Amino acid sequence: MVAGLALAACSSSPDDPAPTIKLVQTPVEAPESARRPCGPLLSELPEEGDLSERTVVDKWGNDRMAVKICDQRRAGAVAAIDAANAALRQASERQHEP
């Protein structure tokens, strides 16, 4: 193994051009479900309406909090994906400039 490394080091000259390295990045696509708001995820209430006022208020508050958190996370993830794809497009355009 040492002899192989020594031969490889000896076979290159300082005048050889540096190897070309090409980085390829592919855009990420957010699924359409990630672009939809979280509102439809609300918990359903029973048809009979057997809930006390306190239970209704608690469920409503929990649903509102869950939807707000979901919307913030979803919007942040979609914005990050869109920003990364925009940066990728800009880098690609700069690479092809004369």
Protein backbone atom coordinates (compact mmCIF):
# COMPACT_ATOMS: atom_id res chain seq x y z
CA MET A 1 0.00 0.00 0.00
CA VAL A 2 2.83 2.41 0.81
CA ALA A 3 4.49 1.66 -2.54
CA GLY A 4 1.21 2.44 -4.34
CA LEU A 5 0.97 5.80 -2.61
CA ALA A 6 4.58 6.62 -3.44
CA LEU A 7 4.05 5.78 -7.11
CA ALA A 8 0.92 7.90 -7.29
CA ALA A 9 2.73 10.85 -5.75
CA CYS A 10 5.67 10.47 -8.11
CA SER A 11 3.57 10.13 -11.26
CA SER A 12 2.01 13.59 -11.06
CA SER A 13 3.90 16.69 -12.03
CA PRO A 14 3.38 20.25 -10.81
CA ASP A 15 2.44 21.27 -14.37
CA ASP A 16 -0.60 18.97 -14.48
CA PRO A 17 -3.87 20.91 -14.27
CA ALA A 18 -5.92 20.49 -11.14
CA PRO A 19 -8.67 17.91 -11.48
CA THR A 20 -12.06 19.26 -12.39
CA ILE A 21 -14.69 18.84 -9.73
CA LYS A 22 -18.31 19.30 -10.64
CA LEU A 23 -20.90 19.67 -7.92
CA VAL A 24 -24.41 18.78 -8.90
CA GLN A 25 -27.32 19.88 -6.77
CA THR A 26 -30.89 19.03 -7.46
CA PRO A 27 -33.80 21.21 -6.43
CA VAL A 28 -36.08 20.00 -3.67
CA GLU A 29 -39.79 19.97 -4.28
CA ALA A 30 -42.20 20.52 -1.42
CA PRO A 31 -45.28 18.34 -1.79
CA GLU A 32 -48.51 20.20 -2.45
CA SER A 33 -49.82 19.00 0.90
CA ALA A 34 -47.06 21.04 2.57
CA ARG A 35 -48.29 24.17 0.82
CA ARG A 36 -51.84 23.80 2.12
CA PRO A 37 -52.77 25.49 5.40
CA CYS A 38 -53.36 23.40 8.50
CA GLY A 39 -56.92 24.62 9.15
CA PRO A 40 -58.63 21.42 7.99
CA LEU A 41 -56.79 19.51 10.74
CA LEU A 42 -59.18 20.73 13.42
CA SER A 43 -60.68 18.10 15.68
CA GLU A 44 -64.28 17.26 15.03
CA LEU A 45 -66.99 17.72 17.59
CA PRO A 46 -69.60 15.04 18.27
CA GLU A 47 -72.89 15.32 16.40
CA GLU A 48 -74.97 15.13 19.57
CA GLY A 49 -73.40 18.20 21.11
CA ASP A 50 -72.89 16.50 24.49
CA LEU A 51 -69.96 18.74 25.36
CA SER A 52 -69.92 21.14 28.24
CA GLU A 53 -69.05 24.76 27.63
CA ARG A 54 -65.69 24.22 29.32
CA THR A 55 -64.87 21.22 27.07
CA VAL A 56 -65.78 23.21 23.97
CA VAL A 57 -63.56 26.11 25.05
CA ASP A 58 -60.68 23.73 25.83
CA LYS A 59 -60.98 21.91 22.49
CA TRP A 60 -61.25 25.20 20.61
CA GLY A 61 -58.15 26.58 22.34
CA ASN A 62 -56.17 23.40 21.69
CA ASP A 63 -57.21 23.40 18.04
CA ARG A 64 -56.30 27.06 17.56
CA MET A 65 -52.87 26.55 19.13
CA ALA A 66 -52.21 23.41 17.07
CA VAL A 67 -53.21 25.14 13.83
CA LYS A 68 -51.05 28.20 14.55
CA ILE A 69 -48.01 26.05 15.35
CA CYS A 70 -48.62 23.85 12.30
CA ASP A 71 -49.00 26.87 10.00
CA GLN A 72 -45.80 28.47 11.31
CA ARG A 73 -43.78 25.28 10.86
CA ARG A 74 -45.27 24.52 7.46
CA ALA A 75 -44.73 28.06 6.19
CA GLY A 76 -41.15 28.06 7.49
CA ALA A 77 -40.34 24.75 5.81
CA VAL A 78 -41.86 25.81 2.49
CA ALA A 79 -40.05 29.17 2.64
CA ALA A 80 -36.73 27.43 3.34
CA ILE A 81 -37.22 25.06 0.41
CA ASP A 82 -38.20 27.92 -1.91
CA ALA A 83 -35.18 29.98 -0.79
CA ALA A 84 -32.80 27.06 -1.31
CA ASN A 85 -34.19 26.45 -4.79
CA ALA A 86 -33.86 30.17 -5.65
CA ALA A 87 -30.23 30.16 -4.50
CA LEU A 88 -29.61 27.04 -6.56
CA ARG A 89 -31.09 28.72 -9.66
CA GLN A 90 -28.95 31.82 -9.12
CA ALA A 91 -25.80 29.74 -8.71
CA SER A 92 -26.64 27.82 -11.86
CA GLU A 93 -27.21 31.04 -13.82
CA ARG A 94 -23.89 32.48 -12.60
CA GLN A 95 -22.11 29.30 -13.62
CA HIS A 96 -23.35 29.63 -17.20
CA GLU A 97 -22.47 33.32 -17.61
CA PRO A 98 -19.75 34.07 -20.18
